[in-house]
Amino acid sequence: EATEDALIVNGTAINCYAERNPEALPWSELGVDLVLECTGIFVSKDKAGMHLKAGAKDVVISAPAKGGDVQTIVLGVNDDELDRRANVFSNASCTTNCLAPVIKIVDQNFSIVEGAMTTIHAYTADQNIQDGPHRDLRRARAAAFNIVPTSTGAASAVKLVYPNIGSKISAIAVRVPVITGSMI
């Protein structure tokens, strides 16, 4: 069941919020320990930190963080390096979470000399739904009707969480006309 401000599942109300300013969210009064910041908007330490000002204890950004002052953690790759003195973390991207564990295992067992990765990825909110203006002409094409070769930061992100790989990996992305899904 859905109400104006909650989803009710098996008799339990799950609060839903539509607030543009994270500092205005009631995290303190709700006793929130962890916020998963998945908007794609609040991806720097300062911006994600707005959830801390609202009372959350920790924030995990579900994208590569901007600014370089947020630790990036991928489970199974570098989670043993988690610095609990910090309270804003990045969990990298979906592509990095898929690629980094494979890279680590293959490199540790067979020693990667050089590698190339292609991710086939659903279109994203950064792409136009109809042909239109965009700073990247490829992403200007209608996302729901075109296969669009583009860049990805996955190789750089893997290096963040598994430095042993250095510059041995290159990566490209191909955005395809599906709403969800990704493969490497």
N, C-alpha and C. Protein backbone atom coordinates (compact mmCIF):
# COMPACT_ATOMS: atom_id res chain seq x y z
N GLU A 1 0.85 -1.17 0.00
CA GLU A 1 0.00 0.00 0.00
C GLU A 1 0.90 1.24 0.00
N ALA A 2 0.44 2.29 -0.65
CA ALA A 2 1.18 3.55 -0.69
C ALA A 2 0.32 4.67 -0.13
N THR A 3 0.92 5.47 0.74
CA THR A 3 0.26 6.67 1.23
C THR A 3 1.03 7.86 0.68
N GLU A 4 0.65 9.05 1.12
CA GLU A 4 1.31 10.25 0.61
C GLU A 4 2.79 10.32 0.98
N ASP A 5 3.16 9.76 2.15
CA ASP A 5 4.55 9.88 2.60
C ASP A 5 5.17 8.56 3.06
N ALA A 6 4.55 7.44 2.69
CA ALA A 6 5.10 6.15 3.12
C ALA A 6 4.64 5.01 2.22
N LEU A 7 5.41 3.94 2.25
CA LEU A 7 5.01 2.67 1.67
C LEU A 7 4.73 1.74 2.84
N ILE A 8 3.66 1.00 2.77
CA ILE A 8 3.33 0.08 3.86
C ILE A 8 3.50 -1.34 3.33
N VAL A 9 4.45 -2.05 3.93
CA VAL A 9 4.78 -3.41 3.51
C VAL A 9 4.59 -4.34 4.70
N ASN A 10 3.69 -5.30 4.56
CA ASN A 10 3.39 -6.24 5.65
C ASN A 10 3.11 -5.52 6.97
N GLY A 11 2.39 -4.41 6.89
CA GLY A 11 2.01 -3.67 8.09
C GLY A 11 3.06 -2.70 8.61
N THR A 12 4.24 -2.67 7.99
CA THR A 12 5.31 -1.77 8.43
C THR A 12 5.39 -0.57 7.49
N ALA A 13 5.32 0.63 8.06
CA ALA A 13 5.42 1.85 7.26
C ALA A 13 6.88 2.18 6.99
N ILE A 14 7.19 2.42 5.72
CA ILE A 14 8.53 2.84 5.31
C ILE A 14 8.40 4.27 4.81
N ASN A 15 8.98 5.21 5.56
CA ASN A 15 8.86 6.62 5.21
C ASN A 15 9.52 6.91 3.86
N CYS A 16 8.89 7.80 3.09
CA CYS A 16 9.43 8.24 1.81
C CYS A 16 9.54 9.76 1.83
N TYR A 17 10.64 10.27 1.34
CA TYR A 17 10.88 11.71 1.34
C TYR A 17 11.23 12.18 -0.06
N ALA A 18 10.78 13.37 -0.40
CA ALA A 18 11.12 14.02 -1.66
C ALA A 18 11.63 15.41 -1.30
N GLU A 19 12.88 15.47 -0.87
CA GLU A 19 13.46 16.71 -0.37
C GLU A 19 14.72 17.03 -1.16
N ARG A 20 14.78 18.22 -1.74
CA ARG A 20 15.95 18.62 -2.53
C ARG A 20 17.18 18.94 -1.68
N ASN A 21 16.96 19.35 -0.44
CA ASN A 21 18.05 19.75 0.44
C ASN A 21 18.27 18.68 1.50
N PRO A 22 19.36 17.91 1.42
CA PRO A 22 19.60 16.86 2.41
C PRO A 22 19.64 17.36 3.85
N GLU A 23 20.04 18.60 4.07
CA GLU A 23 20.09 19.14 5.43
C GLU A 23 18.70 19.25 6.06
N ALA A 24 17.66 19.25 5.24
CA ALA A 24 16.29 19.39 5.75
C ALA A 24 15.64 18.03 6.04
N LEU A 25 16.36 16.94 5.79
CA LEU A 25 15.81 15.61 6.06
C LEU A 25 15.86 15.30 7.56
N PRO A 26 14.92 14.53 8.08
CA PRO A 26 14.82 14.30 9.53
C PRO A 26 15.70 13.15 10.04
N TRP A 27 16.94 13.05 9.56
CA TRP A 27 17.80 11.93 9.95
C TRP A 27 18.06 11.88 11.45
N SER A 28 18.22 13.03 12.08
CA SER A 28 18.49 13.06 13.51
C SER A 28 17.32 12.50 14.32
N GLU A 29 16.12 13.00 14.05
CA GLU A 29 14.96 12.54 14.82
C GLU A 29 14.61 11.08 14.53
N LEU A 30 15.03 10.57 13.36
CA LEU A 30 14.78 9.16 13.03
C LEU A 30 15.90 8.24 13.52
N GLY A 31 17.00 8.82 13.99
CA GLY A 31 18.13 8.01 14.46
C GLY A 31 18.82 7.26 13.34
N VAL A 32 18.95 7.89 12.19
CA VAL A 32 19.54 7.23 11.01
C VAL A 32 21.04 7.05 11.19
N ASP A 33 21.50 5.82 11.03
CA ASP A 33 22.93 5.51 11.11
C ASP A 33 23.62 5.70 9.77
N LEU A 34 22.98 5.26 8.70
CA LEU A 34 23.64 5.23 7.39
C LEU A 34 22.69 5.71 6.30
N VAL A 35 23.18 6.64 5.49
CA VAL A 35 22.44 7.11 4.32
C VAL A 35 23.15 6.59 3.09
N LEU A 36 22.40 6.00 2.18
CA LEU A 36 22.92 5.63 0.88
C LEU A 36 22.57 6.76 -0.07
N GLU A 37 23.57 7.53 -0.48
CA GLU A 37 23.38 8.70 -1.34
C GLU A 37 23.43 8.22 -2.79
N CYS A 38 22.25 8.04 -3.37
CA CYS A 38 22.15 7.44 -4.71
C CYS A 38 21.52 8.38 -5.73
N THR A 39 21.50 9.67 -5.44
CA THR A 39 20.89 10.61 -6.39
C THR A 39 21.81 10.94 -7.55
N GLY A 40 23.12 10.76 -7.36
CA GLY A 40 24.08 11.18 -8.38
C GLY A 40 24.37 12.67 -8.32
N ILE A 41 23.78 13.36 -7.37
CA ILE A 41 23.94 14.82 -7.25
C ILE A 41 24.92 15.18 -6.13
N PHE A 42 24.81 14.52 -5.00
CA PHE A 42 25.61 14.87 -3.81
C PHE A 42 26.81 13.94 -3.70
N VAL A 43 27.75 14.07 -4.66
CA VAL A 43 28.85 13.10 -4.78
C VAL A 43 30.21 13.62 -4.32
N SER A 44 30.24 14.77 -3.69
CA SER A 44 31.49 15.25 -3.08
C SER A 44 31.36 15.10 -1.57
N LYS A 45 32.49 15.20 -0.89
CA LYS A 45 32.47 15.10 0.58
C LYS A 45 31.58 16.17 1.19
N ASP A 46 31.69 17.40 0.69
CA ASP A 46 30.88 18.49 1.24
C ASP A 46 29.40 18.28 0.99
N LYS A 47 29.06 17.90 -0.25
CA LYS A 47 27.64 17.73 -0.57
C LYS A 47 27.04 16.52 0.14
N ALA A 48 27.74 15.39 0.14
CA ALA A 48 27.25 14.21 0.87
C ALA A 48 27.20 14.50 2.36
N GLY A 49 28.10 15.37 2.82
CA GLY A 49 28.15 15.75 4.23
C GLY A 49 26.91 16.48 4.71
N MET A 50 26.08 16.94 3.78
CA MET A 50 24.82 17.58 4.17
C MET A 50 23.93 16.59 4.92
N HIS A 51 24.05 15.31 4.58
CA HIS A 51 23.29 14.27 5.31
C HIS A 51 23.79 14.17 6.76
N LEU A 52 25.09 14.38 6.96
CA LEU A 52 25.66 14.36 8.31
C LEU A 52 25.11 15.53 9.13
N LYS A 53 25.01 16.69 8.49
CA LYS A 53 24.46 17.87 9.17
C LYS A 53 23.00 17.64 9.56
N ALA A 54 22.31 16.78 8.81
CA ALA A 54 20.91 16.47 9.12
C ALA A 54 20.80 15.40 10.21
N GLY A 55 21.95 14.83 10.62
CA GLY A 55 21.93 13.88 11.73
C GLY A 55 22.33 12.46 11.42
N ALA A 56 22.58 12.12 10.15
CA ALA A 56 23.05 10.77 9.83
C ALA A 56 24.47 10.59 10.37
N LYS A 57 24.83 9.35 10.71
CA LYS A 57 26.17 9.09 11.23
C LYS A 57 27.19 8.85 10.13
N ASP A 58 26.76 8.19 9.05
CA ASP A 58 27.65 7.87 7.93
C ASP A 58 26.89 8.01 6.62
N VAL A 59 27.65 8.24 5.53
CA VAL A 59 27.07 8.34 4.20
C VAL A 59 27.92 7.51 3.24
N VAL A 60 27.25 6.69 2.43
CA VAL A 60 27.92 5.96 1.35
C VAL A 60 27.40 6.51 0.04
N ILE A 61 28.30 7.03 -0.77
CA ILE A 61 27.96 7.56 -2.09
C ILE A 61 28.01 6.39 -3.08
N SER A 62 26.94 6.22 -3.85
CA SER A 62 26.87 5.08 -4.77
C SER A 62 27.42 5.43 -6.15
N ALA A 63 28.44 6.25 -6.17
CA ALA A 63 29.08 6.67 -7.43
C ALA A 63 30.51 7.07 -7.09
N PRO A 64 31.35 7.22 -8.10
CA PRO A 64 32.69 7.75 -7.81
C PRO A 64 32.55 9.15 -7.21
N ALA A 65 33.26 9.40 -6.13
CA ALA A 65 33.18 10.70 -5.47
C ALA A 65 33.99 11.74 -6.24
N LYS A 66 33.53 12.96 -6.19
CA LYS A 66 34.25 14.08 -6.81
C LYS A 66 35.11 14.75 -5.75
N GLY A 67 36.28 15.21 -6.14
CA GLY A 67 37.12 15.99 -5.24
C GLY A 67 38.31 15.27 -4.66
N GLY A 68 38.33 13.95 -4.71
CA GLY A 68 39.50 13.20 -4.28
C GLY A 68 39.71 13.06 -2.79
N ASP A 69 38.80 13.57 -1.96
CA ASP A 69 39.01 13.48 -0.51
C ASP A 69 38.05 12.51 0.16
N VAL A 70 37.49 11.58 -0.62
CA VAL A 70 36.58 10.55 -0.11
C VAL A 70 37.17 9.19 -0.44
N GLN A 71 37.27 8.33 0.56
CA GLN A 71 37.82 7.00 0.34
C GLN A 71 36.84 6.16 -0.48
N THR A 72 37.37 5.47 -1.50
CA THR A 72 36.56 4.59 -2.34
C THR A 72 36.79 3.15 -1.91
N ILE A 73 35.71 2.44 -1.63
CA ILE A 73 35.79 1.07 -1.13
C ILE A 73 34.95 0.16 -2.03
N VAL A 74 35.54 -0.97 -2.44
CA VAL A 74 34.80 -2.02 -3.14
C VAL A 74 34.95 -3.30 -2.33
N LEU A 75 33.84 -3.86 -1.89
CA LEU A 75 33.87 -5.07 -1.08
C LEU A 75 34.61 -6.19 -1.81
N GLY A 76 35.48 -6.87 -1.08
CA GLY A 76 36.26 -7.95 -1.66
C GLY A 76 37.53 -7.49 -2.35
N VAL A 77 37.71 -6.19 -2.46
CA VAL A 77 38.91 -5.66 -3.12
C VAL A 77 39.77 -4.89 -2.12
N ASN A 78 39.19 -3.87 -1.48
CA ASN A 78 39.97 -3.07 -0.53
C ASN A 78 39.19 -2.72 0.74
N ASP A 79 38.15 -3.49 1.04
CA ASP A 79 37.34 -3.18 2.22
C ASP A 79 38.13 -3.32 3.52
N ASP A 80 39.25 -4.04 3.48
CA ASP A 80 40.10 -4.15 4.67
C ASP A 80 40.82 -2.84 4.98
N GLU A 81 40.79 -1.89 4.05
CA GLU A 81 41.44 -0.59 4.23
C GLU A 81 40.47 0.50 4.69
N LEU A 82 39.22 0.13 4.95
CA LEU A 82 38.21 1.11 5.35
C LEU A 82 38.67 1.89 6.57
N ASP A 83 38.68 3.20 6.45
CA ASP A 83 39.09 4.08 7.55
C ASP A 83 37.85 4.54 8.31
N ARG A 84 37.56 3.94 9.46
CA ARG A 84 36.35 4.25 10.21
C ARG A 84 36.40 5.61 10.90
N ARG A 85 37.52 6.32 10.80
CA ARG A 85 37.54 7.69 11.33
C ARG A 85 36.75 8.61 10.40
N ALA A 86 36.62 8.22 9.15
CA ALA A 86 35.84 9.00 8.19
C ALA A 86 34.37 8.62 8.31
N ASN A 87 33.49 9.45 7.78
CA ASN A 87 32.08 9.10 7.79
C ASN A 87 31.38 9.35 6.46
N VAL A 88 32.17 9.64 5.42
CA VAL A 88 31.65 9.70 4.05
C VAL A 88 32.55 8.81 3.21
N PHE A 89 31.93 7.86 2.50
CA PHE A 89 32.66 6.90 1.69
C PHE A 89 32.03 6.82 0.30
N SER A 90 32.82 6.39 -0.67
CA SER A 90 32.29 6.09 -1.99
C SER A 90 32.33 4.59 -2.19
N ASN A 91 31.28 4.05 -2.78
CA ASN A 91 31.25 2.63 -3.14
C ASN A 91 31.50 2.47 -4.63
N ALA A 92 32.13 3.49 -5.25
CA ALA A 92 32.48 3.48 -6.67
C ALA A 92 31.22 3.39 -7.52
N SER A 93 31.34 2.81 -8.70
CA SER A 93 30.22 2.68 -9.63
C SER A 93 29.83 1.22 -9.77
N CYS A 94 28.70 0.98 -10.41
CA CYS A 94 28.29 -0.40 -10.65
C CYS A 94 29.33 -1.12 -11.50
N THR A 95 29.89 -0.44 -12.50
CA THR A 95 30.89 -1.05 -13.36
C THR A 95 32.15 -1.39 -12.57
N THR A 96 32.60 -0.49 -11.72
CA THR A 96 33.79 -0.73 -10.90
C THR A 96 33.56 -1.88 -9.93
N ASN A 97 32.36 -1.96 -9.35
CA ASN A 97 32.06 -3.06 -8.44
C ASN A 97 32.04 -4.41 -9.15
N CYS A 98 31.75 -4.39 -10.42
CA CYS A 98 31.76 -5.62 -11.21
C CYS A 98 33.18 -5.96 -11.66
N LEU A 99 33.93 -4.95 -12.09
CA LEU A 99 35.24 -5.16 -12.69
C LEU A 99 36.36 -5.38 -11.67
N ALA A 100 36.40 -4.59 -10.62
CA ALA A 100 37.54 -4.62 -9.69
C ALA A 100 37.77 -5.99 -9.04
N PRO A 101 36.74 -6.69 -8.55
CA PRO A 101 37.01 -8.01 -7.97
C PRO A 101 37.58 -9.00 -8.99
N VAL A 102 37.09 -8.94 -10.22
CA VAL A 102 37.60 -9.83 -11.27
C VAL A 102 39.06 -9.50 -11.57
N ILE A 103 39.37 -8.21 -11.71
CA ILE A 103 40.74 -7.78 -11.97
C ILE A 103 41.67 -8.25 -10.86
N LYS A 104 41.26 -8.06 -9.62
CA LYS A 104 42.10 -8.45 -8.48
C LYS A 104 42.38 -9.95 -8.50
N ILE A 105 41.35 -10.75 -8.67
CA ILE A 105 41.52 -12.21 -8.67
C ILE A 105 42.40 -12.68 -9.83
N VAL A 106 42.12 -12.17 -11.02
CA VAL A 106 42.92 -12.57 -12.20
C VAL A 106 44.36 -12.12 -12.04
N ASP A 107 44.57 -10.89 -11.58
CA ASP A 107 45.93 -10.39 -11.42
C ASP A 107 46.70 -11.17 -10.36
N GLN A 108 46.07 -11.46 -9.24
CA GLN A 108 46.77 -12.18 -8.17
C GLN A 108 47.08 -13.63 -8.55
N ASN A 109 46.28 -14.21 -9.43
CA ASN A 109 46.49 -15.61 -9.80
C ASN A 109 47.26 -15.81 -11.10
N PHE A 110 47.18 -14.83 -12.00
CA PHE A 110 47.82 -15.00 -13.31
C PHE A 110 48.70 -13.84 -13.72
N SER A 111 48.68 -12.74 -13.00
CA SER A 111 49.47 -11.54 -13.28
C SER A 111 49.07 -10.90 -14.62
N ILE A 112 48.21 -9.91 -14.54
CA ILE A 112 47.76 -9.19 -15.73
C ILE A 112 48.91 -8.38 -16.30
N VAL A 113 49.12 -8.52 -17.60
CA VAL A 113 50.13 -7.73 -18.31
C VAL A 113 49.46 -6.51 -18.92
N GLU A 114 48.33 -6.72 -19.54
CA GLU A 114 47.57 -5.64 -20.15
C GLU A 114 46.14 -6.11 -20.33
N GLY A 115 45.19 -5.21 -20.20
CA GLY A 115 43.80 -5.60 -20.36
C GLY A 115 42.95 -4.48 -20.92
N ALA A 116 41.89 -4.86 -21.60
CA ALA A 116 40.92 -3.90 -22.13
C ALA A 116 39.54 -4.36 -21.69
N MET A 117 38.73 -3.42 -21.26
CA MET A 117 37.40 -3.73 -20.78
C MET A 117 36.39 -2.89 -21.54
N THR A 118 35.30 -3.51 -21.91
CA THR A 118 34.17 -2.79 -22.48
C THR A 118 32.97 -3.08 -21.61
N THR A 119 32.29 -2.03 -21.21
CA THR A 119 31.03 -2.22 -20.49
C THR A 119 29.88 -1.89 -21.42
N ILE A 120 28.94 -2.79 -21.47
CA ILE A 120 27.70 -2.55 -22.19
C ILE A 120 26.72 -2.11 -21.10
N HIS A 121 26.23 -0.89 -21.22
CA HIS A 121 25.55 -0.27 -20.09
C HIS A 121 24.23 0.35 -20.53
N ALA A 122 23.22 0.21 -19.71
CA ALA A 122 21.94 0.88 -19.96
C ALA A 122 22.18 2.39 -20.05
N TYR A 123 21.32 3.06 -20.80
CA TYR A 123 21.47 4.52 -20.85
C TYR A 123 21.24 5.11 -19.47
N THR A 124 21.79 6.32 -19.27
CA THR A 124 21.72 6.95 -17.95
C THR A 124 21.05 8.32 -18.05
N ALA A 125 20.79 8.90 -16.90
CA ALA A 125 20.11 10.20 -16.84
C ALA A 125 20.93 11.30 -17.50
N ASP A 126 22.23 11.08 -17.68
CA ASP A 126 23.09 12.07 -18.32
C ASP A 126 22.84 12.15 -19.83
N GLN A 127 22.20 11.15 -20.40
CA GLN A 127 21.95 11.14 -21.84
C GLN A 127 20.59 11.75 -22.15
N ASN A 128 20.48 12.28 -23.36
CA ASN A 128 19.20 12.81 -23.81
C ASN A 128 18.27 11.67 -24.19
N ILE A 129 17.00 11.83 -23.88
CA ILE A 129 16.01 10.83 -24.27
C ILE A 129 15.62 11.05 -25.74
N GLN A 130 15.68 12.27 -26.19
CA GLN A 130 15.50 12.60 -27.60
C GLN A 130 16.78 13.25 -28.09
N ASP A 131 17.04 13.21 -29.41
CA ASP A 131 18.19 13.92 -29.94
C ASP A 131 18.10 15.38 -29.50
N GLY A 132 19.22 15.93 -29.03
CA GLY A 132 19.21 17.30 -28.55
C GLY A 132 20.60 17.74 -28.15
N PRO A 133 20.75 18.96 -27.67
CA PRO A 133 22.08 19.47 -27.31
C PRO A 133 22.68 18.76 -26.10
N HIS A 134 23.98 18.55 -26.15
CA HIS A 134 24.73 17.94 -25.05
C HIS A 134 26.19 18.27 -25.30
N ARG A 135 26.98 18.45 -24.24
CA ARG A 135 28.40 18.79 -24.41
C ARG A 135 29.17 17.66 -25.11
N ASP A 136 28.69 16.42 -24.98
CA ASP A 136 29.29 15.27 -25.65
C ASP A 136 28.33 14.88 -26.78
N LEU A 137 28.73 15.11 -28.03
CA LEU A 137 27.83 14.90 -29.16
C LEU A 137 27.27 13.48 -29.21
N ARG A 138 28.06 12.50 -28.77
CA ARG A 138 27.55 11.13 -28.79
C ARG A 138 26.38 10.97 -27.83
N ARG A 139 26.48 11.64 -26.69
CA ARG A 139 25.39 11.54 -25.71
C ARG A 139 24.21 12.45 -26.07
N ALA A 140 24.35 13.21 -27.14
CA ALA A 140 23.26 14.06 -27.61
C ALA A 140 22.21 13.24 -28.35
N ARG A 141 22.58 12.03 -28.77
CA ARG A 141 21.65 11.16 -29.50
C ARG A 141 20.60 10.58 -28.57
N ALA A 142 19.44 10.29 -29.10
CA ALA A 142 18.34 9.73 -28.30
C ALA A 142 18.76 8.42 -27.66
N ALA A 143 18.85 8.41 -26.35
CA ALA A 143 19.36 7.25 -25.61
C ALA A 143 18.53 6.00 -25.82
N ALA A 144 17.23 6.16 -25.92
CA ALA A 144 16.36 4.99 -26.02
C ALA A 144 16.31 4.39 -27.42
N PHE A 145 17.05 4.98 -28.37
CA PHE A 145 17.00 4.49 -29.75
C PHE A 145 18.37 4.29 -30.38
N ASN A 146 19.45 4.51 -29.65
CA ASN A 146 20.78 4.45 -30.24
C ASN A 146 21.75 3.67 -29.38
N ILE A 147 22.73 3.07 -30.03
CA ILE A 147 23.88 2.48 -29.35
C ILE A 147 24.96 3.55 -29.39
N VAL A 148 25.43 3.96 -28.21
CA VAL A 148 26.32 5.12 -28.12
C VAL A 148 27.65 4.74 -27.48
N PRO A 149 28.74 4.72 -28.28
CA PRO A 149 30.06 4.50 -27.66
C PRO A 149 30.46 5.74 -26.88
N THR A 150 31.00 5.55 -25.69
CA THR A 150 31.37 6.70 -24.86
C THR A 150 32.48 6.31 -23.89
N SER A 151 32.84 7.22 -23.05
CA SER A 151 33.94 6.99 -22.11
C SER A 151 33.41 6.43 -20.79
N THR A 152 34.32 5.89 -20.00
CA THR A 152 34.00 5.44 -18.65
C THR A 152 35.21 5.69 -17.76
N GLY A 153 34.96 5.97 -16.52
CA GLY A 153 36.05 6.15 -15.56
C GLY A 153 36.39 4.86 -14.83
N ALA A 154 35.89 3.73 -15.33
CA ALA A 154 36.06 2.46 -14.62
C ALA A 154 37.53 2.07 -14.44
N ALA A 155 38.36 2.26 -15.45
CA ALA A 155 39.78 1.89 -15.32
C ALA A 155 40.46 2.71 -14.23
N SER A 156 40.17 4.00 -14.18
CA SER A 156 40.73 4.87 -13.14
C SER A 156 40.21 4.48 -11.77
N ALA A 157 38.93 4.14 -11.70
CA ALA A 157 38.33 3.77 -10.42
C ALA A 157 38.89 2.45 -9.91
N VAL A 158 39.15 1.50 -10.82
CA VAL A 158 39.76 0.23 -10.40
C VAL A 158 41.13 0.50 -9.81
N LYS A 159 41.88 1.40 -10.42
CA LYS A 159 43.21 1.76 -9.90
C LYS A 159 43.11 2.36 -8.49
N LEU A 160 42.04 3.09 -8.22
CA LEU A 160 41.84 3.66 -6.87
C LEU A 160 41.70 2.57 -5.81
N VAL A 161 40.97 1.51 -6.14
CA VAL A 161 40.71 0.47 -5.14
C VAL A 161 41.69 -0.70 -5.21
N TYR A 162 42.38 -0.84 -6.35
CA TYR A 162 43.38 -1.90 -6.51
C TYR A 162 44.59 -1.30 -7.24
N PRO A 163 45.42 -0.55 -6.51
CA PRO A 163 46.53 0.19 -7.11
C PRO A 163 47.54 -0.69 -7.86
N ASN A 164 47.63 -1.98 -7.53
CA ASN A 164 48.59 -2.87 -8.20
C ASN A 164 48.38 -2.92 -9.70
N ILE A 165 47.19 -2.61 -10.17
CA ILE A 165 46.90 -2.71 -11.60
C ILE A 165 47.55 -1.58 -12.39
N GLY A 166 47.85 -0.47 -11.70
CA GLY A 166 48.51 0.65 -12.38
C GLY A 166 47.74 1.08 -13.62
N SER A 167 48.45 1.22 -14.73
CA SER A 167 47.81 1.64 -15.98
C SER A 167 47.69 0.48 -16.96
N LYS A 168 47.60 -0.73 -16.45
CA LYS A 168 47.53 -1.92 -17.31
C LYS A 168 46.15 -2.12 -17.94
N ILE A 169 45.15 -1.43 -17.45
CA ILE A 169 43.78 -1.63 -17.92
C ILE A 169 43.27 -0.37 -18.62
N SER A 170 42.61 -0.56 -19.76
CA SER A 170 41.89 0.53 -20.41
C SER A 170 40.42 0.13 -20.47
N ALA A 171 39.56 1.12 -20.60
CA ALA A 171 38.13 0.82 -20.56
C ALA A 171 37.34 1.77 -21.44
N ILE A 172 36.31 1.24 -22.07
CA ILE A 172 35.35 2.05 -22.82
C ILE A 172 33.95 1.59 -22.42
N ALA A 173 32.97 2.41 -22.74
CA ALA A 173 31.58 2.08 -22.45
C ALA A 173 30.77 2.18 -23.73
N VAL A 174 29.76 1.35 -23.82
CA VAL A 174 28.78 1.43 -24.90
C VAL A 174 27.42 1.50 -24.23
N ARG A 175 26.76 2.64 -24.39
CA ARG A 175 25.42 2.81 -23.82
C ARG A 175 24.42 2.24 -24.82
N VAL A 176 23.52 1.41 -24.32
CA VAL A 176 22.56 0.75 -25.19
C VAL A 176 21.13 1.11 -24.78
N PRO A 177 20.18 0.97 -25.70
CA PRO A 177 18.81 1.42 -25.43
C PRO A 177 17.99 0.46 -24.57
N VAL A 178 18.44 0.26 -23.33
CA VAL A 178 17.66 -0.47 -22.33
C VAL A 178 17.65 0.37 -21.07
N ILE A 179 16.64 0.22 -20.25
CA ILE A 179 16.48 1.05 -19.06
C ILE A 179 17.42 0.66 -17.93
N THR A 180 17.71 -0.61 -17.77
CA THR A 180 18.54 -1.06 -16.67
C THR A 180 19.44 -2.20 -17.12
N GLY A 181 20.55 -2.35 -16.43
CA GLY A 181 21.46 -3.45 -16.71
C GLY A 181 22.81 -2.98 -17.19
N SER A 182 23.80 -3.80 -16.91
CA SER A 182 25.17 -3.51 -17.31
C SER A 182 25.93 -4.81 -17.33
N MET A 183 26.87 -4.94 -18.25
CA MET A 183 27.75 -6.11 -18.24
C MET A 183 29.14 -5.67 -18.69
N ILE A 184 30.15 -6.43 -18.24
CA ILE A 184 31.51 -6.11 -18.65
C ILE A 184 32.06 -7.26 -19.46
